[in-house]
């Protein structure tokens, strides 16, 4: 990793920690500035890193920009859950493209498919039932999103790159907690857990893929 990328990523990490503190203490105004700024920092990091493949860099930047859009949709006072969900779904597709470009066809792929299958059976079913109870119209979008992010995690396992696998799993945990707290039941500091695992997941995916 080159020096400029280290500097940008370090500054982004500081902003991320400040965002976690803002989430934990209920400072919504600070969240509105800090949360998007973290993703901007990761975009700059992706543009600064010495990429092994320019096509992979493009896919990663697209994924980050779409994630930024999803962040904005989900943090606004209006209920823009579906547009936010769609943005993140497209971001996962971009990450899948980046992983395929790196050669996601190793022995880890079937293992990843089994792992996410178990996760969907244990957690996904409860989330889908909760979504149906909240609003039957949400079942389709949530099910599609669950399928795409599960494919992303399985594809990450297929790359054999540990940073990529850890990033994908961290992102998966973040969304699982988010879905659980929205449609099943909430728990103390759940929003902090969501943000910490989300930011760590995105950062690990950027560094691992690039």
N, C-alpha and C. Protein backbone atom coordinates (compact mmCIF):
# COMPACT_ATOMS: atom_id res chain seq x y z
N UNK A 1 0.85 -1.19 0.00
CA UNK A 1 0.00 0.00 0.00
C UNK A 1 0.89 1.24 0.00
N UNK A 2 0.62 2.18 -0.90
CA UNK A 2 1.45 3.36 -0.99
C UNK A 2 1.13 4.37 0.12
N UNK A 3 2.07 5.31 0.31
CA UNK A 3 1.95 6.27 1.42
C UNK A 3 0.69 7.12 1.34
N UNK A 4 0.33 7.69 0.18
CA UNK A 4 -0.91 8.50 0.13
C UNK A 4 -2.15 7.70 0.52
N UNK A 5 -2.22 6.45 0.10
CA UNK A 5 -3.37 5.62 0.44
C UNK A 5 -3.42 5.35 1.94
N UNK A 6 -2.25 5.15 2.55
CA UNK A 6 -2.20 4.93 4.01
C UNK A 6 -2.72 6.16 4.75
N UNK A 7 -2.32 7.34 4.29
CA UNK A 7 -2.75 8.59 4.93
C UNK A 7 -4.27 8.75 4.81
N UNK A 8 -4.79 8.55 3.61
CA UNK A 8 -6.23 8.71 3.38
C UNK A 8 -7.02 7.70 4.19
N UNK A 9 -6.55 6.44 4.19
CA UNK A 9 -7.26 5.40 4.92
C UNK A 9 -7.21 5.66 6.43
N UNK A 10 -6.10 6.18 6.90
CA UNK A 10 -5.98 6.49 8.33
C UNK A 10 -6.94 7.61 8.73
N UNK A 11 -7.02 8.65 7.91
CA UNK A 11 -7.94 9.74 8.18
C UNK A 11 -9.39 9.25 8.12
N UNK A 12 -9.66 8.35 7.18
CA UNK A 12 -11.01 7.77 7.06
C UNK A 12 -11.36 6.96 8.29
N UNK A 13 -10.37 6.24 8.84
CA UNK A 13 -10.60 5.47 10.06
C UNK A 13 -10.95 6.38 11.23
N UNK A 14 -10.30 7.53 11.31
CA UNK A 14 -10.61 8.49 12.38
C UNK A 14 -12.05 8.99 12.24
N UNK A 15 -12.45 9.31 11.01
CA UNK A 15 -13.82 9.77 10.77
C UNK A 15 -14.82 8.68 11.12
N UNK A 16 -14.48 7.43 10.79
CA UNK A 16 -15.37 6.31 11.10
C UNK A 16 -15.58 6.17 12.60
N UNK A 17 -14.50 6.26 13.37
CA UNK A 17 -14.61 6.16 14.82
C UNK A 17 -15.47 7.30 15.37
N UNK A 18 -15.29 8.49 14.83
CA UNK A 18 -16.12 9.63 15.27
C UNK A 18 -17.59 9.37 14.95
N UNK A 19 -17.84 8.73 13.81
CA UNK A 19 -19.22 8.40 13.45
C UNK A 19 -19.79 7.37 14.42
N UNK A 20 -18.99 6.37 14.80
CA UNK A 20 -19.48 5.38 15.76
C UNK A 20 -19.84 6.05 17.08
N UNK A 21 -19.00 6.99 17.51
CA UNK A 21 -19.27 7.70 18.76
C UNK A 21 -20.56 8.53 18.63
N UNK A 22 -20.75 9.15 17.46
CA UNK A 22 -21.96 9.94 17.24
C UNK A 22 -23.20 9.05 17.27
N UNK A 23 -23.10 7.87 16.66
CA UNK A 23 -24.22 6.92 16.67
C UNK A 23 -24.51 6.47 18.10
N UNK A 24 -23.45 6.16 18.84
CA UNK A 24 -23.62 5.66 20.20
C UNK A 24 -24.19 6.67 21.17
N UNK A 25 -23.96 7.95 20.88
CA UNK A 25 -24.44 9.01 21.78
C UNK A 25 -25.65 9.76 21.22
N UNK A 26 -26.17 9.27 20.09
CA UNK A 26 -27.39 9.86 19.54
C UNK A 26 -27.22 11.24 18.93
N UNK A 27 -26.04 11.56 18.43
CA UNK A 27 -25.81 12.86 17.80
C UNK A 27 -26.11 12.76 16.30
N UNK A 28 -27.39 12.87 15.97
CA UNK A 28 -27.83 12.66 14.59
C UNK A 28 -27.24 13.67 13.63
N UNK A 29 -27.12 14.94 14.05
CA UNK A 29 -26.56 15.96 13.17
C UNK A 29 -25.14 15.60 12.76
N UNK A 30 -24.36 15.09 13.70
CA UNK A 30 -22.98 14.68 13.39
C UNK A 30 -22.98 13.49 12.44
N UNK A 31 -23.91 12.57 12.64
CA UNK A 31 -24.02 11.40 11.76
C UNK A 31 -24.23 11.80 10.31
N UNK A 32 -25.08 12.82 10.09
CA UNK A 32 -25.37 13.26 8.73
C UNK A 32 -24.12 13.70 7.99
N UNK A 33 -23.14 14.20 8.70
CA UNK A 33 -21.90 14.62 8.06
C UNK A 33 -20.87 13.50 8.02
N UNK A 34 -20.74 12.77 9.14
CA UNK A 34 -19.66 11.80 9.27
C UNK A 34 -19.89 10.52 8.45
N UNK A 35 -21.13 10.04 8.44
CA UNK A 35 -21.40 8.77 7.75
C UNK A 35 -21.08 8.84 6.26
N UNK A 36 -21.56 9.85 5.52
CA UNK A 36 -21.17 9.94 4.11
C UNK A 36 -19.68 10.20 3.93
N UNK A 37 -19.09 10.94 4.86
CA UNK A 37 -17.67 11.29 4.74
C UNK A 37 -16.79 10.05 4.80
N UNK A 38 -17.20 9.06 5.58
CA UNK A 38 -16.44 7.80 5.63
C UNK A 38 -16.38 7.17 4.24
N UNK A 39 -17.51 7.11 3.57
CA UNK A 39 -17.54 6.50 2.24
C UNK A 39 -16.76 7.32 1.22
N UNK A 40 -16.82 8.64 1.36
CA UNK A 40 -16.01 9.49 0.47
C UNK A 40 -14.53 9.16 0.66
N UNK A 41 -14.13 9.00 1.93
CA UNK A 41 -12.75 8.64 2.22
C UNK A 41 -12.35 7.31 1.61
N UNK A 42 -13.25 6.34 1.63
CA UNK A 42 -12.95 5.04 1.04
C UNK A 42 -12.88 5.11 -0.48
N UNK A 43 -13.71 5.97 -1.08
CA UNK A 43 -13.62 6.18 -2.53
C UNK A 43 -12.26 6.75 -2.89
N UNK A 44 -11.81 7.76 -2.14
CA UNK A 44 -10.49 8.36 -2.40
C UNK A 44 -9.39 7.32 -2.18
N UNK A 45 -9.56 6.48 -1.15
CA UNK A 45 -8.58 5.42 -0.91
C UNK A 45 -8.49 4.48 -2.10
N UNK A 46 -9.65 4.07 -2.63
CA UNK A 46 -9.67 3.16 -3.78
C UNK A 46 -9.03 3.80 -5.01
N UNK A 47 -9.20 5.10 -5.16
CA UNK A 47 -8.61 5.80 -6.30
C UNK A 47 -7.10 6.02 -6.12
N UNK A 48 -6.65 5.97 -4.87
CA UNK A 48 -5.24 6.24 -4.57
C UNK A 48 -4.39 4.98 -4.54
N UNK A 49 -4.99 3.86 -4.15
CA UNK A 49 -4.25 2.61 -4.06
C UNK A 49 -3.69 2.18 -5.40
N UNK A 50 -2.56 1.49 -5.37
CA UNK A 50 -1.99 0.90 -6.59
C UNK A 50 -2.74 -0.39 -6.89
N UNK A 51 -3.70 -0.32 -7.79
CA UNK A 51 -4.55 -1.47 -8.06
C UNK A 51 -3.84 -2.47 -8.96
N UNK A 52 -4.11 -3.76 -8.72
CA UNK A 52 -3.55 -4.81 -9.57
C UNK A 52 -4.29 -4.91 -10.89
N UNK A 53 -5.51 -4.34 -10.95
CA UNK A 53 -6.34 -4.42 -12.15
C UNK A 53 -7.23 -3.18 -12.19
N UNK A 54 -7.15 -2.42 -13.27
CA UNK A 54 -7.94 -1.19 -13.37
C UNK A 54 -9.44 -1.48 -13.41
N UNK A 55 -9.83 -2.59 -14.02
CA UNK A 55 -11.25 -2.95 -14.07
C UNK A 55 -11.79 -3.23 -12.67
N UNK A 56 -10.95 -3.86 -11.84
CA UNK A 56 -11.35 -4.12 -10.46
C UNK A 56 -11.53 -2.80 -9.72
N UNK A 57 -10.61 -1.85 -9.95
CA UNK A 57 -10.73 -0.54 -9.32
C UNK A 57 -12.05 0.12 -9.68
N UNK A 58 -12.42 0.08 -10.94
CA UNK A 58 -13.68 0.69 -11.38
C UNK A 58 -14.86 0.04 -10.67
N UNK A 59 -14.87 -1.29 -10.60
CA UNK A 59 -15.97 -2.00 -9.95
C UNK A 59 -16.06 -1.64 -8.47
N UNK A 60 -14.91 -1.53 -7.80
CA UNK A 60 -14.89 -1.19 -6.38
C UNK A 60 -15.39 0.23 -6.16
N UNK A 61 -14.94 1.16 -6.99
CA UNK A 61 -15.39 2.55 -6.85
C UNK A 61 -16.90 2.65 -7.08
N UNK A 62 -17.40 1.94 -8.08
CA UNK A 62 -18.85 1.92 -8.33
C UNK A 62 -19.58 1.38 -7.10
N UNK A 63 -19.07 0.31 -6.50
CA UNK A 63 -19.70 -0.27 -5.31
C UNK A 63 -19.72 0.74 -4.16
N UNK A 64 -18.64 1.48 -3.99
CA UNK A 64 -18.56 2.46 -2.91
C UNK A 64 -19.51 3.63 -3.14
N UNK A 65 -19.59 4.10 -4.38
CA UNK A 65 -20.49 5.22 -4.68
C UNK A 65 -21.94 4.80 -4.48
N UNK A 66 -22.28 3.60 -4.89
CA UNK A 66 -23.64 3.09 -4.67
C UNK A 66 -23.92 2.92 -3.18
N UNK A 67 -22.92 2.49 -2.42
CA UNK A 67 -23.08 2.37 -0.98
C UNK A 67 -23.29 3.74 -0.34
N UNK A 68 -22.58 4.73 -0.84
CA UNK A 68 -22.76 6.10 -0.36
C UNK A 68 -24.19 6.56 -0.59
N UNK A 69 -24.72 6.26 -1.79
CA UNK A 69 -26.11 6.62 -2.07
C UNK A 69 -27.06 5.89 -1.11
N UNK A 70 -26.78 4.61 -0.85
CA UNK A 70 -27.61 3.86 0.09
C UNK A 70 -27.56 4.43 1.49
N UNK A 71 -26.37 4.86 1.91
CA UNK A 71 -26.23 5.49 3.23
C UNK A 71 -27.12 6.72 3.34
N UNK A 72 -27.08 7.55 2.31
CA UNK A 72 -27.86 8.79 2.32
C UNK A 72 -29.35 8.49 2.38
N UNK A 73 -29.80 7.52 1.56
CA UNK A 73 -31.22 7.15 1.58
C UNK A 73 -31.67 6.68 2.96
N UNK A 74 -30.85 5.85 3.61
CA UNK A 74 -31.25 5.23 4.87
C UNK A 74 -31.16 6.16 6.06
N UNK A 75 -30.35 7.22 5.96
CA UNK A 75 -30.22 8.09 7.13
C UNK A 75 -31.14 9.31 7.08
N UNK A 76 -31.81 9.54 5.94
CA UNK A 76 -32.71 10.68 5.85
C UNK A 76 -33.95 10.46 6.71
N UNK A 77 -34.57 11.55 7.17
CA UNK A 77 -35.76 11.41 8.03
C UNK A 77 -36.90 10.67 7.36
N UNK A 78 -37.05 10.81 6.04
CA UNK A 78 -38.11 10.09 5.32
C UNK A 78 -37.77 8.60 5.26
N UNK A 79 -38.80 7.78 5.14
CA UNK A 79 -38.59 6.33 5.02
C UNK A 79 -38.26 5.99 3.57
N UNK A 80 -36.97 5.90 3.28
CA UNK A 80 -36.51 5.57 1.93
C UNK A 80 -35.79 4.22 1.97
N UNK A 81 -36.38 3.27 2.69
CA UNK A 81 -35.76 1.97 2.88
C UNK A 81 -35.56 1.24 1.56
N UNK A 82 -36.56 1.22 0.70
CA UNK A 82 -36.47 0.48 -0.56
C UNK A 82 -35.41 1.08 -1.49
N UNK A 83 -35.37 2.43 -1.70
CA UNK A 83 -34.26 2.97 -2.52
C UNK A 83 -32.90 2.67 -1.91
N UNK A 84 -32.80 2.73 -0.58
CA UNK A 84 -31.53 2.39 0.07
C UNK A 84 -31.16 0.94 -0.16
N UNK A 85 -32.16 0.06 -0.05
CA UNK A 85 -31.94 -1.36 -0.28
C UNK A 85 -31.48 -1.60 -1.72
N UNK A 86 -32.11 -0.92 -2.67
CA UNK A 86 -31.75 -1.08 -4.07
C UNK A 86 -30.31 -0.61 -4.34
N UNK A 87 -29.93 0.48 -3.71
CA UNK A 87 -28.57 1.00 -3.88
C UNK A 87 -27.53 0.00 -3.38
N UNK A 88 -27.77 -0.56 -2.21
CA UNK A 88 -26.83 -1.53 -1.66
C UNK A 88 -26.84 -2.84 -2.45
N UNK A 89 -28.00 -3.22 -2.96
CA UNK A 89 -28.06 -4.42 -3.80
C UNK A 89 -27.16 -4.24 -5.02
N UNK A 90 -27.26 -3.08 -5.68
CA UNK A 90 -26.42 -2.80 -6.83
C UNK A 90 -24.95 -2.75 -6.44
N UNK A 91 -24.67 -2.24 -5.23
CA UNK A 91 -23.28 -2.20 -4.76
C UNK A 91 -22.72 -3.62 -4.61
N UNK A 92 -23.53 -4.54 -4.10
CA UNK A 92 -23.08 -5.92 -3.97
C UNK A 92 -22.82 -6.56 -5.33
N UNK A 93 -23.63 -6.22 -6.31
CA UNK A 93 -23.40 -6.72 -7.67
C UNK A 93 -22.04 -6.22 -8.17
N UNK A 94 -21.73 -4.95 -7.92
CA UNK A 94 -20.44 -4.39 -8.34
C UNK A 94 -19.29 -5.11 -7.63
N UNK A 95 -19.45 -5.40 -6.35
CA UNK A 95 -18.42 -6.15 -5.63
C UNK A 95 -18.26 -7.56 -6.21
N UNK A 96 -19.38 -8.19 -6.55
CA UNK A 96 -19.31 -9.52 -7.17
C UNK A 96 -18.52 -9.46 -8.47
N UNK A 97 -18.75 -8.43 -9.27
CA UNK A 97 -18.00 -8.25 -10.52
C UNK A 97 -16.51 -8.15 -10.23
N UNK A 98 -16.14 -7.35 -9.23
CA UNK A 98 -14.73 -7.20 -8.87
C UNK A 98 -14.13 -8.55 -8.45
N UNK A 99 -14.89 -9.33 -7.69
CA UNK A 99 -14.39 -10.63 -7.23
C UNK A 99 -14.24 -11.61 -8.38
N UNK A 100 -15.19 -11.59 -9.30
CA UNK A 100 -15.11 -12.48 -10.47
C UNK A 100 -13.90 -12.11 -11.32
N UNK A 101 -13.65 -10.81 -11.46
CA UNK A 101 -12.48 -10.37 -12.23
C UNK A 101 -11.17 -10.86 -11.61
N UNK A 102 -11.18 -11.04 -10.29
CA UNK A 102 -9.99 -11.55 -9.61
C UNK A 102 -9.91 -13.07 -9.64
N UNK A 103 -10.97 -13.71 -10.11
CA UNK A 103 -10.97 -15.16 -10.22
C UNK A 103 -11.61 -15.86 -9.04
N UNK A 104 -12.88 -15.61 -8.82
CA UNK A 104 -13.59 -16.21 -7.68
C UNK A 104 -14.13 -17.58 -8.08
N UNK A 105 -13.24 -18.56 -8.18
CA UNK A 105 -13.69 -19.89 -8.58
C UNK A 105 -12.97 -20.98 -7.81
N UNK A 106 -12.41 -20.62 -6.65
CA UNK A 106 -11.63 -21.58 -5.89
C UNK A 106 -12.49 -22.52 -5.07
N UNK A 107 -11.80 -23.33 -4.27
CA UNK A 107 -12.49 -24.32 -3.44
C UNK A 107 -13.35 -23.66 -2.38
N UNK A 108 -13.07 -22.39 -2.08
CA UNK A 108 -13.85 -21.70 -1.06
C UNK A 108 -15.27 -21.39 -1.50
N UNK A 109 -15.53 -21.40 -2.80
CA UNK A 109 -16.86 -21.04 -3.30
C UNK A 109 -17.96 -21.97 -2.78
N UNK A 110 -17.83 -23.30 -2.94
CA UNK A 110 -18.89 -24.17 -2.38
C UNK A 110 -19.00 -24.06 -0.87
N UNK A 111 -17.86 -23.89 -0.18
CA UNK A 111 -17.90 -23.69 1.28
C UNK A 111 -18.68 -22.43 1.61
N UNK A 112 -18.45 -21.35 0.84
CA UNK A 112 -19.16 -20.10 1.05
C UNK A 112 -20.65 -20.26 0.82
N UNK A 113 -21.02 -21.03 -0.19
CA UNK A 113 -22.44 -21.25 -0.48
C UNK A 113 -23.13 -21.99 0.67
N UNK A 114 -22.44 -22.98 1.23
CA UNK A 114 -23.01 -23.73 2.36
C UNK A 114 -23.16 -22.81 3.56
N UNK A 115 -22.13 -21.99 3.81
CA UNK A 115 -22.15 -21.10 4.98
C UNK A 115 -23.30 -20.10 4.89
N UNK A 116 -23.45 -19.46 3.72
CA UNK A 116 -24.53 -18.47 3.61
C UNK A 116 -25.89 -19.16 3.59
N UNK A 117 -25.93 -20.38 3.09
CA UNK A 117 -27.19 -21.13 3.14
C UNK A 117 -27.65 -21.36 4.56
N UNK A 118 -26.71 -21.69 5.44
CA UNK A 118 -27.03 -21.88 6.85
C UNK A 118 -27.47 -20.56 7.49
N UNK A 119 -26.77 -19.48 7.12
CA UNK A 119 -27.11 -18.17 7.68
C UNK A 119 -28.52 -17.74 7.26
N UNK A 120 -28.84 -17.99 6.00
CA UNK A 120 -30.18 -17.66 5.51
C UNK A 120 -31.23 -18.48 6.24
N UNK A 121 -30.94 -19.76 6.47
CA UNK A 121 -31.90 -20.63 7.15
C UNK A 121 -32.13 -20.20 8.59
N UNK A 122 -31.06 -19.78 9.27
CA UNK A 122 -31.16 -19.43 10.67
C UNK A 122 -31.70 -18.02 10.89
N UNK A 123 -31.15 -17.06 10.14
CA UNK A 123 -31.49 -15.64 10.35
C UNK A 123 -32.43 -15.11 9.29
N UNK A 124 -32.16 -15.45 8.04
CA UNK A 124 -32.92 -14.89 6.93
C UNK A 124 -34.40 -15.17 7.00
N UNK A 125 -34.75 -16.40 7.41
CA UNK A 125 -36.17 -16.75 7.50
C UNK A 125 -36.91 -15.88 8.50
N UNK A 126 -36.28 -15.63 9.65
CA UNK A 126 -36.91 -14.78 10.67
C UNK A 126 -37.08 -13.35 10.16
N UNK A 127 -36.06 -12.86 9.46
CA UNK A 127 -36.13 -11.50 8.93
C UNK A 127 -37.24 -11.39 7.88
N UNK A 128 -37.34 -12.38 7.01
CA UNK A 128 -38.38 -12.34 5.97
C UNK A 128 -39.77 -12.41 6.58
N UNK A 129 -39.95 -13.23 7.60
CA UNK A 129 -41.26 -13.30 8.26
C UNK A 129 -41.58 -11.96 8.94
N UNK A 130 -40.55 -11.34 9.51
CA UNK A 130 -40.76 -10.04 10.12
C UNK A 130 -41.11 -8.97 9.10
N UNK A 131 -40.44 -9.03 7.94
CA UNK A 131 -40.73 -8.08 6.86
C UNK A 131 -42.16 -8.26 6.36
N UNK A 132 -42.61 -9.51 6.26
CA UNK A 132 -43.97 -9.77 5.80
C UNK A 132 -44.99 -9.22 6.79
N UNK A 133 -44.69 -9.36 8.08
CA UNK A 133 -45.60 -8.85 9.09
C UNK A 133 -45.66 -7.33 9.09
N UNK A 134 -44.51 -6.71 8.79
CA UNK A 134 -44.45 -5.24 8.77
C UNK A 134 -45.12 -4.68 7.53
N UNK A 135 -44.83 -5.29 6.38
CA UNK A 135 -45.40 -4.83 5.11
C UNK A 135 -45.15 -5.91 4.07
N UNK A 136 -46.19 -6.64 3.64
CA UNK A 136 -46.01 -7.73 2.68
C UNK A 136 -45.29 -7.30 1.40
N UNK A 137 -45.39 -6.03 1.05
CA UNK A 137 -44.73 -5.56 -0.18
C UNK A 137 -43.21 -5.56 -0.05
N UNK A 138 -42.70 -5.64 1.18
CA UNK A 138 -41.25 -5.63 1.39
C UNK A 138 -40.62 -7.01 1.24
N UNK A 139 -41.41 -8.06 1.25
CA UNK A 139 -40.86 -9.41 1.22
C UNK A 139 -40.02 -9.65 -0.03
N UNK A 140 -40.53 -9.26 -1.19
CA UNK A 140 -39.80 -9.46 -2.44
C UNK A 140 -38.46 -8.74 -2.46
N UNK A 141 -38.44 -7.41 -2.21
CA UNK A 141 -37.16 -6.69 -2.21
C UNK A 141 -36.17 -7.22 -1.17
N UNK A 142 -36.66 -7.55 0.02
CA UNK A 142 -35.76 -8.04 1.07
C UNK A 142 -35.21 -9.42 0.69
N UNK A 143 -36.05 -10.28 0.13
CA UNK A 143 -35.60 -11.62 -0.29
C UNK A 143 -34.55 -11.51 -1.40
N UNK A 144 -34.78 -10.62 -2.35
CA UNK A 144 -33.82 -10.43 -3.44
C UNK A 144 -32.49 -9.91 -2.90
N UNK A 145 -32.58 -8.95 -1.99
CA UNK A 145 -31.35 -8.40 -1.40
C UNK A 145 -30.60 -9.48 -0.64
N UNK A 146 -31.32 -10.29 0.12
CA UNK A 146 -30.70 -11.36 0.89
C UNK A 146 -29.98 -12.34 -0.04
N UNK A 147 -30.59 -12.63 -1.17
CA UNK A 147 -29.98 -13.55 -2.14
C UNK A 147 -28.69 -12.96 -2.71
N UNK A 148 -28.72 -11.67 -3.08
CA UNK A 148 -27.56 -11.05 -3.71
C UNK A 148 -26.40 -10.90 -2.74
N UNK A 149 -26.67 -10.44 -1.51
CA UNK A 149 -25.57 -10.30 -0.55
C UNK A 149 -25.01 -11.67 -0.18
N UNK A 150 -25.84 -12.71 -0.17
CA UNK A 150 -25.36 -14.06 0.11
C UNK A 150 -24.44 -14.53 -1.01
N UNK A 151 -24.80 -14.23 -2.25
CA UNK A 151 -23.94 -14.58 -3.39
C UNK A 151 -22.62 -13.82 -3.29
N UNK A 152 -22.68 -12.55 -2.85
CA UNK A 152 -21.46 -11.77 -2.70
C UNK A 152 -20.51 -12.41 -1.70
N UNK A 153 -21.05 -12.87 -0.56
CA UNK A 153 -20.22 -13.50 0.46
C UNK A 153 -19.63 -14.82 -0.06
N UNK A 154 -20.45 -15.61 -0.73
CA UNK A 154 -19.96 -16.88 -1.29
C UNK A 154 -18.88 -16.63 -2.33
N UNK A 155 -19.07 -15.61 -3.16
CA UNK A 155 -18.08 -15.27 -4.18
C UNK A 155 -16.78 -14.80 -3.53
N UNK A 156 -16.89 -14.05 -2.43
CA UNK A 156 -15.71 -13.63 -1.68
C UNK A 156 -14.91 -14.83 -1.21
N UNK A 157 -15.62 -15.85 -0.71
CA UNK A 157 -14.95 -17.07 -0.27
C UNK A 157 -14.22 -17.73 -1.44
N UNK A 158 -14.79 -17.60 -2.63
CA UNK A 158 -14.17 -18.19 -3.81
C UNK A 158 -12.88 -17.53 -4.24
N UNK A 159 -12.67 -16.28 -3.82
CA UNK A 159 -11.41 -15.61 -4.18
C UNK A 159 -10.23 -16.16 -3.41
N UNK A 160 -10.48 -16.72 -2.23
CA UNK A 160 -9.39 -17.21 -1.41
C UNK A 160 -8.59 -16.12 -0.75
N UNK A 161 -9.06 -14.86 -0.83
CA UNK A 161 -8.37 -13.72 -0.24
C UNK A 161 -8.98 -13.43 1.12
N UNK A 162 -8.20 -13.59 2.19
CA UNK A 162 -8.76 -13.52 3.53
C UNK A 162 -9.33 -12.15 3.87
N UNK A 163 -8.68 -11.09 3.41
CA UNK A 163 -9.21 -9.76 3.69
C UNK A 163 -10.57 -9.58 3.02
N UNK A 164 -10.71 -10.09 1.82
CA UNK A 164 -11.98 -10.00 1.09
C UNK A 164 -13.05 -10.81 1.80
N UNK A 165 -12.70 -12.01 2.26
CA UNK A 165 -13.65 -12.86 2.97
C UNK A 165 -14.10 -12.18 4.26
N UNK A 166 -13.15 -11.66 5.02
CA UNK A 166 -13.48 -10.99 6.28
C UNK A 166 -14.35 -9.75 6.03
N UNK A 167 -14.04 -9.02 4.97
CA UNK A 167 -14.83 -7.84 4.63
C UNK A 167 -16.26 -8.19 4.26
N UNK A 168 -16.39 -9.23 3.44
CA UNK A 168 -17.73 -9.65 3.02
C UNK A 168 -18.55 -10.16 4.21
N UNK A 169 -17.92 -10.94 5.09
CA UNK A 169 -18.63 -11.48 6.26
C UNK A 169 -19.03 -10.35 7.20
N UNK A 170 -18.13 -9.37 7.39
CA UNK A 170 -18.44 -8.23 8.25
C UNK A 170 -19.62 -7.44 7.70
N UNK A 171 -19.64 -7.22 6.39
CA UNK A 171 -20.76 -6.54 5.73
C UNK A 171 -22.04 -7.34 5.94
N UNK A 172 -21.94 -8.66 5.82
CA UNK A 172 -23.09 -9.55 5.98
C UNK A 172 -23.66 -9.45 7.40
N UNK A 173 -22.76 -9.44 8.38
CA UNK A 173 -23.18 -9.31 9.78
C UNK A 173 -23.88 -7.98 10.00
N UNK A 174 -23.34 -6.91 9.42
CA UNK A 174 -23.94 -5.59 9.55
C UNK A 174 -25.38 -5.59 9.04
N UNK A 175 -25.57 -6.15 7.86
CA UNK A 175 -26.92 -6.16 7.27
C UNK A 175 -27.85 -7.12 8.01
N UNK A 176 -27.28 -8.21 8.54
CA UNK A 176 -28.10 -9.14 9.30
C UNK A 176 -28.63 -8.48 10.57
N UNK A 177 -27.76 -7.74 11.24
CA UNK A 177 -28.18 -7.03 12.45
C UNK A 177 -29.20 -5.95 12.11
N UNK A 178 -28.95 -5.23 11.01
CA UNK A 178 -29.88 -4.18 10.58
C UNK A 178 -31.25 -4.78 10.28
N UNK A 179 -31.28 -5.88 9.52
CA UNK A 179 -32.55 -6.53 9.20
C UNK A 179 -33.25 -7.07 10.43
N UNK A 180 -32.46 -7.64 11.35
CA UNK A 180 -33.04 -8.21 12.57
C UNK A 180 -33.68 -7.12 13.43
N UNK A 181 -32.96 -6.02 13.59
CA UNK A 181 -33.48 -4.95 14.45
C UNK A 181 -34.66 -4.23 13.80
N UNK A 182 -34.72 -4.21 12.50
CA UNK A 182 -35.84 -3.53 11.82
C UNK A 182 -37.08 -4.41 11.80
N UNK A 183 -36.91 -5.72 11.60
CA UNK A 183 -38.06 -6.58 11.36
C UNK A 183 -38.33 -7.63 12.45
N UNK A 184 -37.39 -7.85 13.36
CA UNK A 184 -37.60 -8.87 14.39
C UNK A 184 -37.62 -8.22 15.77
N UNK A 185 -36.46 -7.82 16.26
CA UNK A 185 -36.40 -7.14 17.56
C UNK A 185 -35.08 -6.38 17.66
N UNK A 186 -35.13 -5.28 18.39
CA UNK A 186 -33.95 -4.46 18.55
C UNK A 186 -33.22 -4.83 19.84
N UNK A 187 -31.99 -4.38 19.96
CA UNK A 187 -31.24 -4.59 21.20
C UNK A 187 -30.33 -3.39 21.41
N UNK A 188 -29.84 -3.24 22.61
CA UNK A 188 -29.05 -2.08 22.97
C UNK A 188 -27.77 -1.99 22.13
N UNK A 189 -27.49 -0.80 21.66
CA UNK A 189 -26.29 -0.50 20.86
C UNK A 189 -26.29 -1.21 19.50
N UNK A 190 -27.45 -1.64 19.03
CA UNK A 190 -27.50 -2.34 17.74
C UNK A 190 -27.02 -1.44 16.60
N UNK A 191 -27.33 -0.14 16.67
CA UNK A 191 -26.91 0.76 15.59
C UNK A 191 -25.40 0.91 15.56
N UNK A 192 -24.76 0.88 16.71
CA UNK A 192 -23.30 0.94 16.75
C UNK A 192 -22.71 -0.32 16.12
N UNK A 193 -23.28 -1.47 16.46
CA UNK A 193 -22.81 -2.74 15.88
C UNK A 193 -22.94 -2.70 14.36
N UNK A 194 -24.07 -2.19 13.88
CA UNK A 194 -24.30 -2.10 12.44
C UNK A 194 -23.23 -1.24 11.78
N UNK A 195 -22.93 -0.07 12.35
CA UNK A 195 -21.99 0.85 11.72
C UNK A 195 -20.55 0.34 11.80
N UNK A 196 -20.17 -0.24 12.94
CA UNK A 196 -18.80 -0.73 13.07
C UNK A 196 -18.54 -1.86 12.07
N UNK A 197 -19.42 -2.83 12.01
CA UNK A 197 -19.23 -3.95 11.08
C UNK A 197 -19.35 -3.50 9.64
N UNK A 198 -20.20 -2.53 9.37
CA UNK A 198 -20.35 -2.00 8.01
C UNK A 198 -19.08 -1.31 7.53
N UNK A 199 -18.55 -0.40 8.34
CA UNK A 199 -17.34 0.32 7.94
C UNK A 199 -16.14 -0.61 7.83
N UNK A 200 -16.00 -1.53 8.78
CA UNK A 200 -14.90 -2.49 8.71
C UNK A 200 -15.03 -3.35 7.45
N UNK A 201 -16.25 -3.78 7.15
CA UNK A 201 -16.46 -4.59 5.96
C UNK A 201 -16.09 -3.87 4.69
N UNK A 202 -16.53 -2.63 4.57
CA UNK A 202 -16.21 -1.86 3.36
C UNK A 202 -14.71 -1.64 3.23
N UNK A 203 -14.06 -1.27 4.34
CA UNK A 203 -12.62 -1.01 4.29
C UNK A 203 -11.83 -2.27 3.92
N UNK A 204 -12.19 -3.40 4.51
CA UNK A 204 -11.50 -4.65 4.20
C UNK A 204 -11.72 -5.06 2.76
N UNK A 205 -12.91 -4.85 2.24
CA UNK A 205 -13.17 -5.17 0.83
C UNK A 205 -12.33 -4.30 -0.09
N UNK A 206 -12.23 -3.01 0.22
CA UNK A 206 -11.42 -2.11 -0.62
C UNK A 206 -9.96 -2.55 -0.63
N UNK A 207 -9.39 -2.73 0.55
CA UNK A 207 -7.97 -3.10 0.63
C UNK A 207 -7.73 -4.49 0.05
N UNK A 208 -8.62 -5.44 0.39
CA UNK A 208 -8.44 -6.80 -0.08
C UNK A 208 -8.57 -6.95 -1.58
N UNK A 209 -9.55 -6.28 -2.18
CA UNK A 209 -9.77 -6.39 -3.62
C UNK A 209 -8.73 -5.63 -4.44
N UNK A 210 -8.23 -4.55 -3.87
CA UNK A 210 -7.30 -3.70 -4.63
C UNK A 210 -5.85 -4.18 -4.48
